[in-house]
């Protein structure tokens, strides 16, 4: 799995599906990409509810924790607070190559669709769109209301990739981890990072040769 010198911003918001976000962070670090991590206050609640994981309140604590957990090289991972307006993701002059919001709440999606920039996650998304970089939004909601769909359509028309956390089964997953990896693999494909989590259609072991 390789990411080279790409810089990827990753945002966790208050939707269900924190497993996806954590696994994506691990894979990005493994790929040797530079990672900028942002997460909302509601994401902290969801992490505790779903995984009994207490996300550190202070960015420096979170940076140290996840760098040690996933073996990041020095300087590879940086964590920013939601109101850190001097952080690189807040400016087009230092926009990342890609921003992935995973999981993406409907509230965050609506704010991005409306061009709001009330916190660093929303501002980072606005920057990525205006700089014509890759924005991937990973909603985990069902069913979608008409308002949800209209917001997603608006974002898609403006260049965002809408990638719902809908795992496939052709690779015959035998665990929750297999389902998570399917979605994470599709995200990595969208941001141009090679992955070996799930075999591609037509390749041995993908399920398509059954």
N, C-alpha and C. Protein backbone atom coordinates (compact mmCIF):
# COMPACT_ATOMS: atom_id res chain seq x y z
N UNK A 1 0.86 -1.19 0.00
CA UNK A 1 0.00 0.00 0.00
C UNK A 1 0.89 1.23 0.00
N UNK A 2 0.74 2.07 -1.01
CA UNK A 2 1.62 3.22 -1.13
C UNK A 2 0.85 4.50 -1.36
N UNK A 3 1.30 5.58 -0.69
CA UNK A 3 0.69 6.88 -0.86
C UNK A 3 1.70 7.93 -1.25
N UNK A 4 2.99 7.54 -1.19
CA UNK A 4 4.04 8.46 -1.58
C UNK A 4 4.05 9.71 -0.72
N UNK A 5 4.14 10.87 -1.39
CA UNK A 5 4.21 12.13 -0.66
C UNK A 5 2.86 12.84 -0.62
N UNK A 6 1.78 12.13 -0.89
CA UNK A 6 0.46 12.75 -0.88
C UNK A 6 0.08 13.18 0.53
N UNK A 7 -0.63 14.31 0.60
CA UNK A 7 -1.17 14.80 1.86
C UNK A 7 -2.68 14.62 1.85
N UNK A 8 -3.17 13.88 2.83
CA UNK A 8 -4.59 13.58 2.92
C UNK A 8 -5.13 14.07 4.24
N UNK A 9 -6.16 14.90 4.19
CA UNK A 9 -6.86 15.32 5.39
C UNK A 9 -7.99 14.33 5.64
N UNK A 10 -8.15 13.93 6.89
CA UNK A 10 -9.20 12.99 7.28
C UNK A 10 -10.02 13.61 8.40
N UNK A 11 -11.33 13.66 8.20
CA UNK A 11 -12.21 14.23 9.22
C UNK A 11 -13.20 13.18 9.70
N UNK A 12 -13.36 13.09 11.02
CA UNK A 12 -14.37 12.23 11.62
C UNK A 12 -15.48 13.12 12.18
N UNK A 13 -16.70 12.82 11.82
CA UNK A 13 -17.83 13.59 12.35
C UNK A 13 -18.78 12.66 13.09
N UNK A 14 -19.96 13.17 13.44
CA UNK A 14 -20.83 12.48 14.36
C UNK A 14 -21.75 11.43 13.79
N UNK A 15 -21.44 10.87 12.63
CA UNK A 15 -22.24 9.77 12.08
C UNK A 15 -21.74 8.45 12.67
N UNK A 16 -22.61 7.45 12.62
CA UNK A 16 -22.19 6.11 12.99
C UNK A 16 -21.18 5.62 11.97
N UNK A 17 -20.29 4.73 12.41
CA UNK A 17 -19.29 4.18 11.47
C UNK A 17 -17.87 4.58 11.80
N UNK A 18 -17.57 4.77 13.07
CA UNK A 18 -16.21 5.18 13.45
C UNK A 18 -15.17 4.13 13.07
N UNK A 19 -15.59 2.87 12.96
CA UNK A 19 -14.64 1.83 12.54
C UNK A 19 -14.03 2.15 11.18
N UNK A 20 -14.85 2.70 10.29
CA UNK A 20 -14.33 3.06 8.96
C UNK A 20 -13.24 4.12 9.09
N UNK A 21 -13.51 5.14 9.90
CA UNK A 21 -12.55 6.23 10.04
C UNK A 21 -11.23 5.78 10.64
N UNK A 22 -11.30 4.93 11.65
CA UNK A 22 -10.08 4.44 12.29
C UNK A 22 -9.27 3.56 11.34
N UNK A 23 -9.95 2.69 10.63
CA UNK A 23 -9.25 1.81 9.70
C UNK A 23 -8.62 2.62 8.57
N UNK A 24 -9.33 3.65 8.12
CA UNK A 24 -8.78 4.50 7.07
C UNK A 24 -7.53 5.23 7.56
N UNK A 25 -7.56 5.72 8.78
CA UNK A 25 -6.38 6.39 9.34
C UNK A 25 -5.20 5.42 9.38
N UNK A 26 -5.44 4.21 9.83
CA UNK A 26 -4.38 3.21 9.87
C UNK A 26 -3.79 2.96 8.49
N UNK A 27 -4.66 2.81 7.50
CA UNK A 27 -4.20 2.52 6.14
C UNK A 27 -3.45 3.69 5.53
N UNK A 28 -3.89 4.90 5.81
CA UNK A 28 -3.20 6.08 5.29
C UNK A 28 -1.79 6.18 5.86
N UNK A 29 -1.66 5.90 7.14
CA UNK A 29 -0.34 5.94 7.76
C UNK A 29 0.54 4.83 7.18
N UNK A 30 -0.02 3.67 7.00
CA UNK A 30 0.73 2.55 6.40
C UNK A 30 1.19 2.88 4.99
N UNK A 31 0.40 3.68 4.28
CA UNK A 31 0.73 4.02 2.89
C UNK A 31 1.84 5.06 2.79
N UNK A 32 2.23 5.61 3.93
CA UNK A 32 3.26 6.64 4.01
C UNK A 32 2.77 8.01 3.56
N UNK A 33 1.44 8.18 3.43
CA UNK A 33 0.90 9.51 3.14
C UNK A 33 1.05 10.40 4.38
N UNK A 34 1.15 11.68 4.15
CA UNK A 34 1.07 12.64 5.25
C UNK A 34 -0.40 12.84 5.58
N UNK A 35 -0.74 12.77 6.86
CA UNK A 35 -2.15 12.78 7.26
C UNK A 35 -2.42 13.94 8.22
N UNK A 36 -3.47 14.69 7.89
CA UNK A 36 -3.98 15.73 8.78
C UNK A 36 -5.33 15.24 9.31
N UNK A 37 -5.42 15.06 10.61
CA UNK A 37 -6.64 14.51 11.22
C UNK A 37 -7.42 15.60 11.95
N UNK A 38 -8.73 15.61 11.70
CA UNK A 38 -9.64 16.53 12.37
C UNK A 38 -10.85 15.73 12.84
N UNK A 39 -11.38 16.04 14.00
CA UNK A 39 -12.62 15.37 14.41
C UNK A 39 -13.47 16.29 15.27
N UNK A 40 -14.78 16.07 15.15
CA UNK A 40 -15.74 16.92 15.84
C UNK A 40 -16.00 16.42 17.26
N UNK A 41 -16.67 17.25 18.04
CA UNK A 41 -17.03 16.87 19.40
C UNK A 41 -18.01 15.70 19.40
N UNK A 42 -18.92 15.70 18.44
CA UNK A 42 -19.88 14.60 18.37
C UNK A 42 -19.19 13.31 17.96
N UNK A 43 -18.13 13.39 17.19
CA UNK A 43 -17.36 12.19 16.85
C UNK A 43 -16.79 11.54 18.10
N UNK A 44 -16.43 12.35 19.08
CA UNK A 44 -15.93 11.81 20.34
C UNK A 44 -17.02 10.99 21.03
N UNK A 45 -18.25 11.47 20.97
CA UNK A 45 -19.37 10.75 21.58
C UNK A 45 -19.61 9.43 20.86
N UNK A 46 -19.61 9.48 19.54
CA UNK A 46 -19.86 8.28 18.75
C UNK A 46 -18.76 7.23 18.97
N UNK A 47 -17.51 7.67 19.03
CA UNK A 47 -16.39 6.75 19.25
C UNK A 47 -16.55 6.01 20.57
N UNK A 48 -16.99 6.74 21.59
CA UNK A 48 -17.19 6.11 22.90
C UNK A 48 -18.37 5.16 22.87
N UNK A 49 -19.45 5.56 22.20
CA UNK A 49 -20.65 4.74 22.13
C UNK A 49 -20.41 3.44 21.36
N UNK A 50 -19.71 3.53 20.23
CA UNK A 50 -19.55 2.37 19.36
C UNK A 50 -18.37 1.48 19.73
N UNK A 51 -17.29 2.08 20.23
CA UNK A 51 -16.05 1.33 20.41
C UNK A 51 -15.45 1.44 21.80
N UNK A 52 -16.15 2.13 22.71
CA UNK A 52 -15.58 2.40 24.03
C UNK A 52 -14.23 3.10 23.92
N UNK A 53 -14.11 3.91 22.87
CA UNK A 53 -12.87 4.64 22.61
C UNK A 53 -13.02 6.09 23.04
N UNK A 54 -12.16 6.53 23.91
CA UNK A 54 -12.18 7.91 24.36
C UNK A 54 -11.15 8.71 23.55
N UNK A 55 -11.65 9.48 22.59
CA UNK A 55 -10.75 10.31 21.79
C UNK A 55 -10.22 11.45 22.64
N UNK A 56 -8.92 11.68 22.63
CA UNK A 56 -8.36 12.77 23.43
C UNK A 56 -8.94 14.12 23.01
N UNK A 57 -9.17 14.97 23.98
CA UNK A 57 -9.71 16.30 23.70
C UNK A 57 -8.64 17.19 23.08
N UNK A 58 -7.42 17.08 23.57
CA UNK A 58 -6.33 17.92 23.09
C UNK A 58 -5.69 17.33 21.83
N UNK A 59 -5.54 18.12 20.78
CA UNK A 59 -4.94 17.61 19.54
C UNK A 59 -3.57 16.97 19.73
N UNK A 60 -2.74 17.55 20.59
CA UNK A 60 -1.40 16.98 20.77
C UNK A 60 -1.47 15.59 21.39
N UNK A 61 -2.42 15.40 22.31
CA UNK A 61 -2.59 14.07 22.90
C UNK A 61 -3.05 13.07 21.86
N UNK A 62 -4.00 13.49 21.03
CA UNK A 62 -4.50 12.61 19.97
C UNK A 62 -3.40 12.28 18.98
N UNK A 63 -2.60 13.27 18.64
CA UNK A 63 -1.51 13.07 17.68
C UNK A 63 -0.52 12.04 18.21
N UNK A 64 -0.16 12.18 19.46
CA UNK A 64 0.79 11.24 20.07
C UNK A 64 0.19 9.83 20.16
N UNK A 65 -1.09 9.77 20.55
CA UNK A 65 -1.77 8.48 20.72
C UNK A 65 -1.83 7.70 19.41
N UNK A 66 -2.33 8.34 18.33
CA UNK A 66 -2.51 7.63 17.08
C UNK A 66 -1.19 7.39 16.34
N UNK A 67 -0.22 8.28 16.53
CA UNK A 67 1.10 8.06 15.94
C UNK A 67 1.74 6.82 16.54
N UNK A 68 1.60 6.65 17.83
CA UNK A 68 2.16 5.47 18.50
C UNK A 68 1.36 4.22 18.14
N UNK A 69 0.03 4.35 18.10
CA UNK A 69 -0.83 3.20 17.83
C UNK A 69 -0.58 2.61 16.45
N UNK A 70 -0.40 3.48 15.44
CA UNK A 70 -0.27 3.01 14.06
C UNK A 70 1.14 3.12 13.50
N UNK A 71 2.10 3.49 14.34
CA UNK A 71 3.49 3.51 13.92
C UNK A 71 3.83 4.58 12.91
N UNK A 72 3.28 5.77 13.08
CA UNK A 72 3.57 6.87 12.16
C UNK A 72 5.01 7.33 12.32
N UNK A 73 5.61 7.69 11.21
CA UNK A 73 6.96 8.26 11.28
C UNK A 73 6.86 9.70 11.82
N UNK A 74 7.94 10.26 12.32
CA UNK A 74 7.90 11.62 12.85
C UNK A 74 7.39 12.62 11.82
N UNK A 75 6.40 13.41 12.21
CA UNK A 75 5.85 14.44 11.34
C UNK A 75 4.82 13.94 10.35
N UNK A 76 4.58 12.64 10.30
CA UNK A 76 3.64 12.11 9.30
C UNK A 76 2.19 12.43 9.65
N UNK A 77 1.87 12.44 10.94
CA UNK A 77 0.49 12.68 11.39
C UNK A 77 0.42 13.97 12.18
N UNK A 78 -0.53 14.82 11.81
CA UNK A 78 -0.81 16.04 12.56
C UNK A 78 -2.30 16.09 12.85
N UNK A 79 -2.64 16.50 14.06
CA UNK A 79 -4.05 16.58 14.48
C UNK A 79 -4.36 18.03 14.81
N UNK A 80 -5.50 18.51 14.33
CA UNK A 80 -5.89 19.91 14.53
C UNK A 80 -7.25 20.00 15.21
N UNK A 81 -7.40 21.03 16.04
CA UNK A 81 -8.67 21.27 16.70
C UNK A 81 -9.69 21.90 15.76
N UNK A 82 -10.96 21.78 16.11
CA UNK A 82 -12.04 22.23 15.23
C UNK A 82 -12.04 23.74 15.02
N UNK A 83 -11.39 24.48 15.91
CA UNK A 83 -11.35 25.94 15.79
C UNK A 83 -9.94 26.47 15.54
N UNK A 84 -9.07 25.61 15.05
CA UNK A 84 -7.69 26.02 14.77
C UNK A 84 -7.64 26.64 13.36
N UNK A 85 -7.94 27.92 13.28
CA UNK A 85 -8.03 28.60 11.99
C UNK A 85 -6.67 28.87 11.36
N UNK A 86 -5.59 28.63 12.10
CA UNK A 86 -4.25 28.78 11.53
C UNK A 86 -3.70 27.46 11.00
N UNK A 87 -4.50 26.41 11.07
CA UNK A 87 -4.07 25.11 10.57
C UNK A 87 -4.01 25.13 9.04
N UNK A 88 -3.10 24.37 8.44
CA UNK A 88 -2.97 24.35 6.98
C UNK A 88 -4.27 24.08 6.22
N UNK A 89 -5.15 23.17 6.69
CA UNK A 89 -6.37 22.90 5.90
C UNK A 89 -7.30 24.09 5.75
N UNK A 90 -7.07 25.16 6.51
CA UNK A 90 -7.96 26.32 6.46
C UNK A 90 -7.63 27.25 5.30
N UNK A 91 -6.55 26.99 4.60
CA UNK A 91 -6.12 27.91 3.54
C UNK A 91 -5.88 27.20 2.22
N UNK A 92 -6.31 27.82 1.14
CA UNK A 92 -6.05 27.26 -0.18
C UNK A 92 -4.58 27.22 -0.54
N UNK A 93 -3.76 28.02 0.12
CA UNK A 93 -2.33 28.02 -0.18
C UNK A 93 -1.63 26.76 0.30
N UNK A 94 -2.31 25.98 1.15
CA UNK A 94 -1.71 24.73 1.64
C UNK A 94 -2.75 23.62 1.66
N UNK A 95 -3.64 23.64 0.67
CA UNK A 95 -4.71 22.64 0.61
C UNK A 95 -4.13 21.23 0.47
N UNK A 96 -4.74 20.24 1.11
CA UNK A 96 -4.28 18.86 0.95
C UNK A 96 -4.63 18.35 -0.44
N UNK A 97 -4.03 17.23 -0.81
CA UNK A 97 -4.36 16.61 -2.09
C UNK A 97 -5.79 16.07 -2.07
N UNK A 98 -6.24 15.66 -0.90
CA UNK A 98 -7.59 15.12 -0.77
C UNK A 98 -8.08 15.31 0.66
N UNK A 99 -9.38 15.41 0.80
CA UNK A 99 -10.02 15.42 2.10
C UNK A 99 -11.09 14.34 2.09
N UNK A 100 -11.07 13.49 3.10
CA UNK A 100 -12.08 12.46 3.26
C UNK A 100 -12.81 12.71 4.58
N UNK A 101 -14.12 12.84 4.51
CA UNK A 101 -14.93 12.97 5.73
C UNK A 101 -15.58 11.61 5.95
N UNK A 102 -15.07 10.87 6.93
CA UNK A 102 -15.47 9.48 7.13
C UNK A 102 -15.41 9.11 8.61
N UNK A 103 -16.54 8.90 9.23
CA UNK A 103 -17.90 8.97 8.67
C UNK A 103 -18.36 10.42 8.56
N UNK A 104 -19.31 10.66 7.66
CA UNK A 104 -19.81 12.00 7.42
C UNK A 104 -21.26 12.09 7.86
N UNK A 105 -21.53 12.94 8.83
CA UNK A 105 -22.90 13.13 9.31
C UNK A 105 -23.69 13.95 8.29
N UNK A 106 -25.00 13.83 8.35
CA UNK A 106 -25.85 14.60 7.45
C UNK A 106 -25.77 16.09 7.78
N UNK A 107 -25.50 16.43 9.03
CA UNK A 107 -25.33 17.82 9.39
C UNK A 107 -24.09 18.42 8.76
N UNK A 108 -22.98 17.68 8.81
CA UNK A 108 -21.75 18.15 8.17
C UNK A 108 -21.92 18.23 6.67
N UNK A 109 -22.56 17.22 6.08
CA UNK A 109 -22.78 17.21 4.64
C UNK A 109 -23.61 18.42 4.21
N UNK A 110 -24.65 18.73 4.98
CA UNK A 110 -25.50 19.88 4.65
C UNK A 110 -24.72 21.18 4.76
N UNK A 111 -23.88 21.29 5.79
CA UNK A 111 -23.09 22.51 5.97
C UNK A 111 -22.11 22.71 4.83
N UNK A 112 -21.49 21.62 4.38
CA UNK A 112 -20.56 21.71 3.26
C UNK A 112 -21.31 22.09 1.98
N UNK A 113 -22.48 21.48 1.78
CA UNK A 113 -23.28 21.79 0.60
C UNK A 113 -23.71 23.24 0.57
N UNK A 114 -23.92 23.81 1.76
CA UNK A 114 -24.32 25.21 1.86
C UNK A 114 -23.18 26.20 1.86
N UNK A 115 -21.95 25.69 1.78
CA UNK A 115 -20.79 26.58 1.76
C UNK A 115 -20.46 27.19 3.10
N UNK A 116 -20.94 26.60 4.19
CA UNK A 116 -20.65 27.14 5.51
C UNK A 116 -19.23 26.78 5.92
N UNK A 117 -18.67 27.59 6.78
CA UNK A 117 -17.32 27.35 7.27
C UNK A 117 -17.25 27.71 8.75
N UNK A 118 -18.14 27.11 9.52
CA UNK A 118 -18.26 27.45 10.94
C UNK A 118 -17.24 26.73 11.80
N UNK A 119 -16.56 25.74 11.25
CA UNK A 119 -15.49 25.07 11.99
C UNK A 119 -14.45 24.60 10.96
N UNK A 120 -13.36 24.03 11.45
CA UNK A 120 -12.25 23.71 10.55
C UNK A 120 -12.61 22.60 9.55
N UNK A 121 -13.45 21.67 9.95
CA UNK A 121 -13.84 20.61 9.02
C UNK A 121 -14.60 21.20 7.84
N UNK A 122 -15.57 22.05 8.13
CA UNK A 122 -16.35 22.67 7.05
C UNK A 122 -15.48 23.57 6.19
N UNK A 123 -14.59 24.31 6.81
CA UNK A 123 -13.69 25.19 6.06
C UNK A 123 -12.74 24.38 5.18
N UNK A 124 -12.22 23.29 5.72
CA UNK A 124 -11.31 22.44 4.94
C UNK A 124 -12.01 21.90 3.70
N UNK A 125 -13.27 21.50 3.85
CA UNK A 125 -14.04 21.00 2.71
C UNK A 125 -14.25 22.11 1.69
N UNK A 126 -14.55 23.31 2.15
CA UNK A 126 -14.75 24.44 1.26
C UNK A 126 -13.47 24.74 0.47
N UNK A 127 -12.33 24.66 1.16
CA UNK A 127 -11.04 24.90 0.53
C UNK A 127 -10.76 23.85 -0.55
N UNK A 128 -10.99 22.60 -0.22
CA UNK A 128 -10.72 21.52 -1.17
C UNK A 128 -11.58 21.67 -2.43
N UNK A 129 -12.84 22.04 -2.25
CA UNK A 129 -13.71 22.24 -3.40
C UNK A 129 -13.25 23.39 -4.27
N UNK A 130 -12.93 24.52 -3.65
CA UNK A 130 -12.56 25.70 -4.44
C UNK A 130 -11.21 25.52 -5.11
N UNK A 131 -10.35 24.69 -4.53
CA UNK A 131 -9.03 24.45 -5.13
C UNK A 131 -9.04 23.27 -6.09
N UNK A 132 -10.24 22.71 -6.31
CA UNK A 132 -10.40 21.59 -7.25
C UNK A 132 -9.58 20.37 -6.85
N UNK A 133 -9.50 20.14 -5.55
CA UNK A 133 -8.88 18.91 -5.06
C UNK A 133 -9.98 17.85 -4.84
N UNK A 134 -9.58 16.68 -4.37
CA UNK A 134 -10.53 15.58 -4.21
C UNK A 134 -11.21 15.64 -2.84
N UNK A 135 -12.54 15.69 -2.86
CA UNK A 135 -13.33 15.65 -1.64
C UNK A 135 -14.19 14.40 -1.67
N UNK A 136 -14.01 13.53 -0.68
CA UNK A 136 -14.79 12.30 -0.57
C UNK A 136 -15.60 12.35 0.71
N UNK A 137 -16.91 12.22 0.58
CA UNK A 137 -17.81 12.22 1.72
C UNK A 137 -18.39 10.83 1.88
N UNK A 138 -18.30 10.29 3.09
CA UNK A 138 -18.72 8.91 3.36
C UNK A 138 -19.89 8.91 4.35
N UNK A 139 -21.11 9.13 3.85
CA UNK A 139 -22.26 9.12 4.75
C UNK A 139 -22.62 7.70 5.18
N UNK A 140 -23.14 7.58 6.39
CA UNK A 140 -23.61 6.29 6.87
C UNK A 140 -24.98 6.55 7.50
N UNK A 141 -25.95 6.66 6.64
CA UNK A 141 -27.31 7.00 7.08
C UNK A 141 -28.28 6.21 6.23
N UNK A 142 -29.38 5.80 6.81
CA UNK A 142 -30.41 5.12 6.03
C UNK A 142 -31.75 5.20 6.76
N UNK A 143 -32.83 5.47 6.06
CA UNK A 143 -32.88 5.84 4.65
C UNK A 143 -32.46 7.29 4.46
N UNK A 144 -32.18 7.69 3.23
CA UNK A 144 -31.89 9.08 2.93
C UNK A 144 -33.20 9.82 2.72
N UNK A 145 -33.30 10.99 3.31
CA UNK A 145 -34.46 11.84 3.04
C UNK A 145 -34.23 12.57 1.71
N UNK A 146 -35.28 13.19 1.21
CA UNK A 146 -35.14 13.98 -0.02
C UNK A 146 -34.13 15.10 0.18
N UNK A 147 -34.12 15.71 1.36
CA UNK A 147 -33.16 16.77 1.66
C UNK A 147 -31.73 16.23 1.62
N UNK A 148 -31.51 15.05 2.21
CA UNK A 148 -30.18 14.43 2.15
C UNK A 148 -29.74 14.25 0.70
N UNK A 149 -30.64 13.70 -0.10
CA UNK A 149 -30.32 13.41 -1.50
C UNK A 149 -30.05 14.69 -2.30
N UNK A 150 -30.82 15.72 -2.03
CA UNK A 150 -30.61 16.99 -2.72
C UNK A 150 -29.25 17.59 -2.35
N UNK A 151 -28.87 17.49 -1.09
CA UNK A 151 -27.56 18.00 -0.66
C UNK A 151 -26.43 17.21 -1.32
N UNK A 152 -26.59 15.89 -1.39
CA UNK A 152 -25.57 15.07 -2.02
C UNK A 152 -25.47 15.35 -3.52
N UNK A 153 -26.61 15.55 -4.17
CA UNK A 153 -26.60 15.89 -5.59
C UNK A 153 -25.90 17.23 -5.82
N UNK A 154 -26.18 18.18 -4.97
CA UNK A 154 -25.54 19.50 -5.10
C UNK A 154 -24.02 19.38 -4.97
N UNK A 155 -23.58 18.59 -4.02
CA UNK A 155 -22.14 18.40 -3.82
C UNK A 155 -21.52 17.64 -4.99
N UNK A 156 -22.21 16.61 -5.46
CA UNK A 156 -21.70 15.84 -6.59
C UNK A 156 -21.52 16.73 -7.81
N UNK A 157 -22.48 17.60 -8.05
CA UNK A 157 -22.39 18.51 -9.19
C UNK A 157 -21.24 19.50 -9.05
N UNK A 158 -20.78 19.71 -7.83
CA UNK A 158 -19.67 20.62 -7.59
C UNK A 158 -18.35 19.90 -7.39
N UNK A 159 -18.32 18.63 -7.74
CA UNK A 159 -17.05 17.91 -7.78
C UNK A 159 -16.76 16.95 -6.65
N UNK A 160 -17.63 16.89 -5.64
CA UNK A 160 -17.39 15.98 -4.53
C UNK A 160 -17.74 14.55 -4.92
N UNK A 161 -17.09 13.61 -4.28
CA UNK A 161 -17.41 12.19 -4.45
C UNK A 161 -18.27 11.75 -3.27
N UNK A 162 -19.45 11.24 -3.56
CA UNK A 162 -20.34 10.74 -2.50
C UNK A 162 -20.17 9.23 -2.47
N UNK A 163 -19.61 8.72 -1.37
CA UNK A 163 -19.28 7.31 -1.27
C UNK A 163 -19.93 6.74 0.01
N UNK A 164 -21.20 6.36 -0.08
CA UNK A 164 -21.86 5.82 1.11
C UNK A 164 -21.15 4.57 1.63
N UNK A 165 -21.21 4.38 2.93
CA UNK A 165 -20.55 3.22 3.55
C UNK A 165 -21.41 1.98 3.33
N UNK A 166 -21.48 1.53 2.07
CA UNK A 166 -22.26 0.36 1.69
C UNK A 166 -21.32 -0.75 1.24
N UNK A 167 -20.96 -1.66 2.12
CA UNK A 167 -20.02 -2.71 1.72
C UNK A 167 -20.64 -3.71 0.76
N UNK A 168 -19.79 -4.23 -0.14
CA UNK A 168 -20.20 -5.30 -1.03
C UNK A 168 -19.88 -6.65 -0.40
N UNK A 169 -20.31 -7.71 -1.08
CA UNK A 169 -20.12 -9.05 -0.51
C UNK A 169 -19.46 -10.01 -1.49
N UNK A 170 -19.09 -9.53 -2.68
CA UNK A 170 -18.52 -10.46 -3.66
C UNK A 170 -17.16 -10.98 -3.24
N UNK A 171 -16.49 -10.31 -2.30
CA UNK A 171 -15.21 -10.81 -1.81
C UNK A 171 -15.38 -11.78 -0.64
N UNK A 172 -16.65 -12.09 -0.34
CA UNK A 172 -17.00 -13.07 0.69
C UNK A 172 -16.38 -12.74 2.06
N UNK A 173 -16.74 -11.61 2.63
CA UNK A 173 -16.19 -11.24 3.93
C UNK A 173 -16.64 -12.22 5.02
N UNK A 174 -15.74 -12.52 5.93
CA UNK A 174 -16.03 -13.45 7.01
C UNK A 174 -16.06 -12.76 8.37
N UNK A 175 -15.93 -11.43 8.36
CA UNK A 175 -15.89 -10.69 9.62
C UNK A 175 -16.32 -9.25 9.39
N UNK A 176 -16.55 -8.54 10.48
CA UNK A 176 -16.84 -7.11 10.38
C UNK A 176 -15.67 -6.39 9.73
N UNK A 177 -14.46 -6.83 10.05
CA UNK A 177 -13.28 -6.20 9.47
C UNK A 177 -13.27 -6.30 7.94
N UNK A 178 -13.77 -7.43 7.42
CA UNK A 178 -13.83 -7.59 5.98
C UNK A 178 -14.80 -6.62 5.33
N UNK A 179 -15.92 -6.34 6.01
CA UNK A 179 -16.88 -5.37 5.51
C UNK A 179 -16.31 -3.96 5.57
N UNK A 180 -15.62 -3.65 6.66
CA UNK A 180 -15.00 -2.33 6.80
C UNK A 180 -13.95 -2.12 5.72
N UNK A 181 -13.13 -3.14 5.49
CA UNK A 181 -12.05 -3.01 4.51
C UNK A 181 -12.58 -2.78 3.10
N UNK A 182 -13.76 -3.32 2.78
CA UNK A 182 -14.33 -3.10 1.46
C UNK A 182 -14.55 -1.61 1.22
N UNK A 183 -15.15 -0.94 2.20
CA UNK A 183 -15.44 0.49 2.06
C UNK A 183 -14.15 1.30 2.06
N UNK A 184 -13.24 0.96 2.96
CA UNK A 184 -11.97 1.69 3.04
C UNK A 184 -11.17 1.53 1.74
N UNK A 185 -11.23 0.35 1.14
CA UNK A 185 -10.54 0.14 -0.13
C UNK A 185 -11.09 1.05 -1.22
N UNK A 186 -12.41 1.22 -1.26
CA UNK A 186 -13.00 2.10 -2.27
C UNK A 186 -12.60 3.55 -2.03
N UNK A 187 -12.48 3.95 -0.78
CA UNK A 187 -12.04 5.32 -0.47
C UNK A 187 -10.61 5.53 -0.95
N UNK A 188 -9.74 4.58 -0.65
CA UNK A 188 -8.34 4.69 -1.06
C UNK A 188 -8.23 4.77 -2.58
N UNK A 189 -9.06 4.00 -3.27
CA UNK A 189 -9.06 4.08 -4.75
C UNK A 189 -9.40 5.48 -5.22
N UNK A 190 -10.36 6.11 -4.57
CA UNK A 190 -10.81 7.44 -4.99
C UNK A 190 -9.76 8.51 -4.78
N UNK A 191 -8.90 8.33 -3.79
CA UNK A 191 -7.90 9.37 -3.51
C UNK A 191 -6.52 9.00 -4.07
N UNK A 192 -6.47 7.95 -4.89
CA UNK A 192 -5.24 7.63 -5.59
C UNK A 192 -4.16 6.96 -4.78
N UNK A 193 -4.57 6.19 -3.77
CA UNK A 193 -3.60 5.47 -2.96
C UNK A 193 -3.78 3.97 -3.19
N UNK A 194 -2.71 3.31 -3.57
CA UNK A 194 -2.78 1.87 -3.84
C UNK A 194 -3.17 1.12 -2.58
N UNK A 195 -3.98 0.09 -2.77
CA UNK A 195 -4.42 -0.70 -1.62
C UNK A 195 -4.46 -2.17 -1.98
N UNK A 196 -4.29 -3.01 -0.96
CA UNK A 196 -4.36 -4.45 -1.15
C UNK A 196 -5.36 -5.07 -0.17
N UNK A 197 -6.33 -4.27 0.25
CA UNK A 197 -7.30 -4.76 1.24
C UNK A 197 -8.30 -5.72 0.62
N UNK A 198 -8.75 -5.40 -0.58
CA UNK A 198 -9.77 -6.21 -1.27
C UNK A 198 -9.33 -6.41 -2.71
N UNK A 199 -9.40 -7.64 -3.19
CA UNK A 199 -9.04 -7.94 -4.57
C UNK A 199 -9.99 -7.26 -5.54
N UNK A 200 -9.49 -6.90 -6.70
CA UNK A 200 -10.32 -6.23 -7.69
C UNK A 200 -11.10 -7.24 -8.51
N UNK A 201 -12.20 -6.78 -9.06
CA UNK A 201 -13.08 -7.64 -9.84
C UNK A 201 -12.30 -8.30 -10.97
N UNK A 202 -12.44 -9.62 -11.07
CA UNK A 202 -11.72 -10.37 -12.11
C UNK A 202 -10.39 -10.92 -11.66
N UNK A 203 -9.90 -10.45 -10.49
CA UNK A 203 -8.63 -10.96 -9.97
C UNK A 203 -8.90 -12.18 -9.11
N UNK A 204 -7.93 -13.12 -9.04
CA UNK A 204 -8.09 -14.29 -8.18
C UNK A 204 -8.32 -13.86 -6.73
N UNK A 205 -9.31 -14.47 -6.09
CA UNK A 205 -9.58 -14.16 -4.70
C UNK A 205 -10.58 -13.05 -4.51
N UNK A 206 -11.03 -12.42 -5.60
CA UNK A 206 -11.97 -11.31 -5.46
C UNK A 206 -13.39 -11.81 -5.29
N UNK A 207 -13.63 -13.06 -5.58
CA UNK A 207 -14.98 -13.59 -5.52
C UNK A 207 -15.59 -13.69 -6.91
N UNK A 208 -15.05 -12.93 -7.87
CA UNK A 208 -15.61 -12.92 -9.22
C UNK A 208 -15.19 -14.16 -10.01
N UNK A 209 -14.22 -14.94 -9.47
CA UNK A 209 -13.77 -16.13 -10.17
C UNK A 209 -14.45 -17.39 -9.66
N UNK A 210 -15.49 -17.17 -8.83
CA UNK A 210 -16.16 -18.33 -8.24
C UNK A 210 -17.00 -19.06 -9.29
